[in-house]
Protein backbone atom coordinates (compact mmCIF):
# COMPACT_ATOMS: atom_id res chain seq x y z
CA MET A 1 32.91 16.98 27.32
CA THR A 2 29.07 17.00 27.00
CA TRP A 3 28.18 14.35 24.46
CA VAL A 4 26.00 11.36 23.59
CA VAL A 5 27.26 8.58 21.31
CA GLY A 6 25.04 5.98 19.65
CA ALA A 7 25.32 2.99 17.34
CA ALA A 8 23.07 0.23 15.98
CA SER A 9 24.67 -3.17 15.54
CA PHE A 10 23.97 -5.91 13.03
CA ARG A 11 23.43 -8.29 15.95
CA GLY A 12 20.15 -7.10 17.44
CA HIS A 13 21.32 -4.33 19.78
CA VAL A 14 21.33 -0.52 19.87
CA PHE A 15 23.79 1.24 22.17
CA LEU A 16 23.82 4.79 23.60
CA VAL A 17 26.46 6.29 25.87
CA GLY A 18 26.34 9.78 27.40
CA ASP A 19 28.39 11.78 29.87
CA VAL A 20 26.77 13.59 32.82
CA GLN A 21 28.06 17.14 32.38
CA MET A 22 25.97 20.26 31.93
CA THR A 23 26.78 23.94 31.47
CA VAL A 24 24.98 26.38 33.80
CA GLY A 25 24.92 30.05 34.67
CA PRO A 26 26.14 33.24 33.00
CA THR A 27 29.78 32.13 33.35
CA ASP A 28 29.09 28.78 31.62
CA LEU A 29 30.12 26.78 34.67
CA VAL A 30 30.52 23.08 33.77
CA VAL A 31 29.27 20.67 36.44
CA ASP A 32 28.46 16.97 36.71
CA GLY A 33 24.83 16.16 37.25
CA ILE A 34 22.52 15.32 34.32
CA GLN A 35 21.24 12.06 32.84
CA LYS A 36 21.15 12.37 29.05
CA VAL A 37 20.43 8.71 28.12
CA HIS A 38 17.00 7.27 29.00
CA ARG A 39 14.79 4.24 28.49
CA VAL A 40 11.65 5.61 26.82
CA GLY A 41 9.85 2.42 25.75
CA LEU A 42 9.85 -1.36 25.86
CA ASN A 43 12.55 -1.57 23.18
CA VAL A 44 13.49 2.11 22.81
CA ILE A 45 16.29 4.24 24.23
CA ALA A 46 16.95 7.94 23.63
CA GLY A 47 19.60 10.51 24.46
CA PHE A 48 19.66 14.29 24.13
CA ALA A 49 22.12 17.17 23.85
CA GLY A 50 21.28 20.87 23.98
CA SER A 51 18.86 22.74 26.23
CA ALA A 52 18.31 20.74 29.41
CA ARG A 53 14.73 21.97 29.88
CA LEU A 54 13.69 21.18 26.33
CA GLY A 55 15.64 17.93 26.26
CA PHE A 56 13.87 16.58 29.33
CA ALA A 57 10.50 17.74 27.98
CA LEU A 58 11.08 15.78 24.76
CA ILE A 59 12.27 12.70 26.66
CA GLU A 60 9.12 12.80 28.80
CA ARG A 61 6.98 13.13 25.67
CA LEU A 62 8.71 10.09 24.15
CA LYS A 63 8.02 8.14 27.34
CA LYS A 64 4.37 9.17 27.22
CA GLU A 65 3.99 8.13 23.57
CA MET A 66 6.13 4.97 23.59
CA GLY A 67 5.95 3.80 27.18
CA PRO A 68 2.43 2.26 27.30
CA ILE A 69 3.27 -0.69 25.00
CA ARG A 70 4.11 -3.75 27.12
CA SER A 71 3.89 -6.56 24.57
CA ARG A 72 7.13 -7.71 22.98
CA ALA A 73 5.16 -8.61 19.88
CA LYS A 74 4.13 -4.95 19.40
CA ALA A 75 7.44 -3.13 19.82
CA TRP A 76 7.93 0.16 18.01
CA ASP A 77 9.21 0.23 14.43
CA LEU A 78 11.24 3.45 14.17
CA ASP A 79 11.09 3.43 10.38
CA VAL A 80 7.31 3.70 10.57
CA VAL A 81 7.03 6.23 13.42
CA GLY A 82 9.87 8.32 12.01
CA ALA A 83 8.04 8.60 8.69
CA THR A 84 4.67 9.37 10.30
CA TRP A 85 3.99 10.90 13.71
CA LEU A 86 7.34 11.23 15.52
CA PRO A 87 8.59 14.52 13.93
CA ARG A 88 5.12 16.08 14.29
CA VAL A 89 4.80 15.11 17.96
CA LEU A 90 8.29 16.38 18.84
CA SER A 91 7.74 19.65 16.95
CA HIS A 92 4.43 20.21 18.73
CA GLU A 93 6.02 19.51 22.10
CA LEU A 94 8.81 21.97 21.34
CA ARG A 95 6.26 24.62 20.41
CA ASP A 96 4.22 23.95 23.56
CA GLN A 97 7.34 24.48 25.69
CA ALA A 98 7.58 28.07 24.35
CA PRO A 99 11.38 28.16 24.04
CA THR A 100 13.20 31.34 24.89
CA GLU A 101 15.43 33.01 22.32
CA GLU A 102 18.45 31.46 24.05
CA GLU A 103 16.89 27.98 23.98
CA HIS A 104 16.05 28.42 20.30
CA ARG A 105 19.68 29.26 19.63
CA ILE A 106 20.99 26.27 21.58
CA GLY A 107 18.37 23.87 20.22
CA VAL A 108 18.03 20.15 20.98
CA GLN A 109 19.48 17.07 19.33
CA LEU A 110 18.17 13.56 19.92
CA LEU A 111 19.43 10.07 19.25
CA VAL A 112 16.59 7.53 19.33
CA GLY A 113 17.22 3.81 18.89
CA ALA A 114 15.05 0.70 18.91
CA VAL A 115 15.00 -2.99 18.01
CA ASP A 116 12.12 -4.36 15.92
CA ALA A 117 9.67 -6.89 17.30
CA GLY A 118 9.84 -9.15 14.25
CA LEU A 119 12.15 -12.18 14.37
CA PRO A 120 13.34 -14.51 11.60
CA GLN A 121 10.78 -17.25 11.00
CA GLU A 122 13.29 -20.08 11.13
CA PRO A 123 12.05 -22.96 13.31
CA HIS A 124 15.53 -24.47 13.61
CA LEU A 125 16.99 -21.32 15.20
CA PRO A 126 17.19 -21.24 19.01
CA PRO A 127 15.27 -18.20 20.39
CA GLU A 128 18.42 -16.62 21.83
CA ILE A 129 20.04 -16.70 18.37
CA ALA A 130 16.93 -15.41 16.58
CA ARG A 131 16.77 -12.40 18.91
CA THR A 132 20.26 -11.31 17.85
CA MET A 133 18.96 -11.15 14.28
CA ALA A 134 16.19 -8.63 15.00
CA ALA A 135 16.50 -5.45 12.93
CA THR A 136 17.98 -2.40 14.67
CA ARG A 137 17.27 1.29 14.06
CA LEU A 138 19.00 4.49 15.17
CA TYR A 139 17.93 8.00 14.18
CA LYS A 140 19.27 11.48 14.83
CA LEU A 141 16.62 14.19 15.14
CA GLN A 142 17.27 17.91 15.58
CA SER A 143 15.09 20.88 16.46
CA PRO A 144 13.04 22.60 15.24
CA GLU A 145 11.68 20.18 12.61
CA PHE A 146 13.09 16.87 13.91
CA ARG A 147 13.50 15.28 10.50
CA PRO A 148 14.75 11.72 11.14
CA GLU A 149 18.30 11.13 9.90
CA PRO A 150 19.13 7.41 9.91
CA VAL A 151 22.48 6.37 11.32
CA PRO A 152 23.83 3.43 9.25
CA ARG A 153 24.16 0.17 11.15
CA GLY A 154 27.70 -0.49 12.22
CA GLN A 155 28.58 3.21 12.48
CA ALA A 156 28.83 5.30 15.65
CA LEU A 157 27.59 8.91 15.79
CA MET A 158 28.24 11.56 18.45
CA ILE A 159 25.95 14.52 19.19
CA GLY A 160 26.73 17.46 21.47
CA GLY A 161 28.85 20.58 21.40
CA GLY A 162 32.49 21.28 22.01
CA ALA A 163 35.57 19.13 21.72
CA SER A 164 35.44 15.88 23.68
CA ALA A 165 38.44 13.61 24.05
CA TYR A 166 36.45 11.03 26.00
CA GLY A 167 33.42 11.24 23.71
CA ALA A 168 35.53 10.73 20.58
CA ALA A 169 37.32 7.82 22.24
CA ILE A 170 34.01 6.19 23.18
CA ARG A 171 32.69 6.73 19.64
CA ASP A 172 35.73 4.96 18.19
CA LEU A 173 35.53 2.21 20.80
CA LEU A 174 31.83 1.66 20.13
CA ALA A 175 32.32 1.44 16.37
CA GLU A 176 35.01 -1.18 16.90
CA ALA A 177 33.09 -3.05 19.62
CA LEU A 178 30.00 -3.58 17.46
CA THR A 179 31.72 -6.54 15.83
CA LYS A 180 33.39 -7.82 18.98
CA ILE A 181 30.72 -7.75 21.70
CA PRO A 182 29.22 -11.24 22.06
CA ALA A 183 25.70 -10.81 20.72
CA GLN A 184 24.09 -13.09 23.30
CA ARG A 185 25.87 -11.40 26.22
CA ALA A 186 25.85 -7.78 25.07
CA ARG A 187 23.81 -6.52 28.01
CA GLU A 188 26.48 -7.75 30.44
CA ALA A 189 29.58 -7.38 28.25
CA PHE A 190 29.02 -3.84 26.97
CA PRO A 191 29.06 -2.02 30.36
CA LEU A 192 32.14 -4.02 31.39
CA MET A 193 33.91 -3.07 28.17
CA LEU A 194 33.00 0.59 28.69
CA ALA A 195 34.17 0.57 32.29
CA ALA A 196 37.51 -0.98 31.35
CA ALA A 197 38.00 1.51 28.50
CA MET A 198 37.17 4.52 30.68
CA GLN A 199 39.54 3.24 33.36
CA ARG A 200 42.32 3.28 30.76
CA PHE A 201 41.32 6.74 29.48
CA VAL A 202 41.23 8.47 32.87
CA THR A 203 44.57 6.89 33.82
CA SER A 204 46.48 7.56 30.60
CA GLN A 205 44.64 10.66 29.29
CA PRO A 206 43.16 12.53 32.28
CA VAL A 207 41.12 15.62 31.44
CA PRO A 208 41.21 18.36 34.12
CA ARG A 209 37.91 18.86 36.01
CA VAL A 210 36.22 16.07 34.02
CA ARG A 211 35.02 12.97 35.84
CA ALA A 212 34.48 9.80 33.84
CA CYS A 213 30.83 9.18 34.72
CA LEU A 214 28.71 7.72 31.93
CA HIS A 215 25.20 6.45 31.34
CA SER A 216 25.09 3.36 29.17
CA GLY A 217 21.85 2.40 27.38
CA ILE A 218 21.13 -0.85 25.55
CA ALA A 219 18.03 -1.76 23.54
CA ARG A 220 17.48 -5.34 22.41
CA TRP A 221 14.53 -7.48 21.39
CA GLY A 222 11.76 -6.89 23.94
CA ASP A 223 13.89 -4.97 26.41
CA ALA A 224 15.82 -1.76 27.08
CA SER A 225 17.90 -0.64 30.05
CA VAL A 226 20.12 2.24 31.20
CA GLY A 227 22.83 2.14 33.86
CA LEU A 228 25.55 4.36 35.36
CA ILE A 229 29.27 3.66 34.94
CA VAL A 230 31.87 5.46 37.07
CA ALA A 231 35.59 5.18 36.30
CA ARG A 232 38.45 6.69 38.30
CA ALA A 233 42.18 6.99 37.94
CA ARG A 234 44.42 5.00 40.28
CA GLY A 235 44.66 6.63 43.66
CA GLU A 236 41.42 8.61 43.31
CA MET A 237 38.63 8.20 45.83
CA PRO A 238 35.37 6.80 44.39
CA PHE A 239 32.94 9.62 43.64
CA VAL A 240 29.42 9.50 42.22
CA PRO A 241 27.93 12.97 41.58
CA LEU A 242 24.29 13.80 42.23
CA ILE A 243 22.60 12.99 38.91
CA ALA A 244 19.42 14.76 37.76
CA GLU A 245 16.99 12.34 36.10
CA THR A 246 14.36 15.07 35.54
CA TYR A 247 14.37 18.82 34.87
CA GLU A 248 13.00 19.42 38.36
CA GLU A 249 16.14 17.80 39.74
CA VAL A 250 18.28 19.98 37.43
CA GLN A 251 16.56 23.01 38.97
CA ALA A 252 17.36 21.73 42.47
CA ILE A 253 21.05 21.28 41.60
CA CYS A 254 21.20 24.77 40.10
CA ARG A 255 19.51 26.29 43.16
CA GLY A 256 22.17 24.65 45.30
CA LEU A 257 24.79 26.42 43.18
CA GLY A 258 22.92 29.71 43.30
CA LEU A 259 22.36 29.64 39.52
CA ALA A 260 19.36 29.76 37.19
CA ALA A 261 18.38 26.41 35.68
CA GLU A 262 16.93 28.08 32.58
CA ARG A 263 20.46 28.43 31.19
CA ALA A 264 21.39 24.80 31.88
CA THR A 265 22.45 22.94 28.76
CA ALA A 266 23.56 19.39 28.07
CA THR A 267 26.19 20.73 25.69
CA ARG A 268 29.17 23.09 25.69
CA ARG A 269 28.20 26.60 24.68
């Protein structure tokens, strides 16, 4: 499994979806327990795949750089920051983390999405309609240089390692849903659509030892949010794994398993 899928719509929303699996220990044990999709700013969401330690360090750096802005009129423009300071800041943070040889080999991939602050200057448009016309941005960035690679609007991209039946299905669903999700109700409709789709997947195409737990992130004009979705096949008992929202929590989970967190990755090795 181990994936993050993202897409930017033409209707004022950016979507990210990520599973919660990580690989730990010398035997590459796959366990549930890591949050890969995060809210990092007023209108910005980000997800990572690769080294868990480095991924969380980069997410925290994004929160530090992008979190202080509180005004909807001053939301981040990813085209500008991607062409100026974002690659430099991420590269410096990576260097400061002093990656091991193993972490260098695994690397880190990021998907970062945002919705612009600017709205169409059309006085006859109701505000709720104008907000669905705000420009959307989604970039893929990869260590060590983090050169921004734009993801075309209307297309879904998956990052992460290994084959993923659920990830590929979500990618295809997301690409299709971009034109079907009601723009003014996307925040409510998208998680419901994901939950229904995952319910179908785990019932008709169960994957051994893989639980259908997802984090769903949505960025829109002046807002961003992330939530957890748990699907289960018929007859299964509800189960929500312990999810690490920070690297310190990853370390605690690994200690409970008697394993070293330094080898934890948000991707399949």
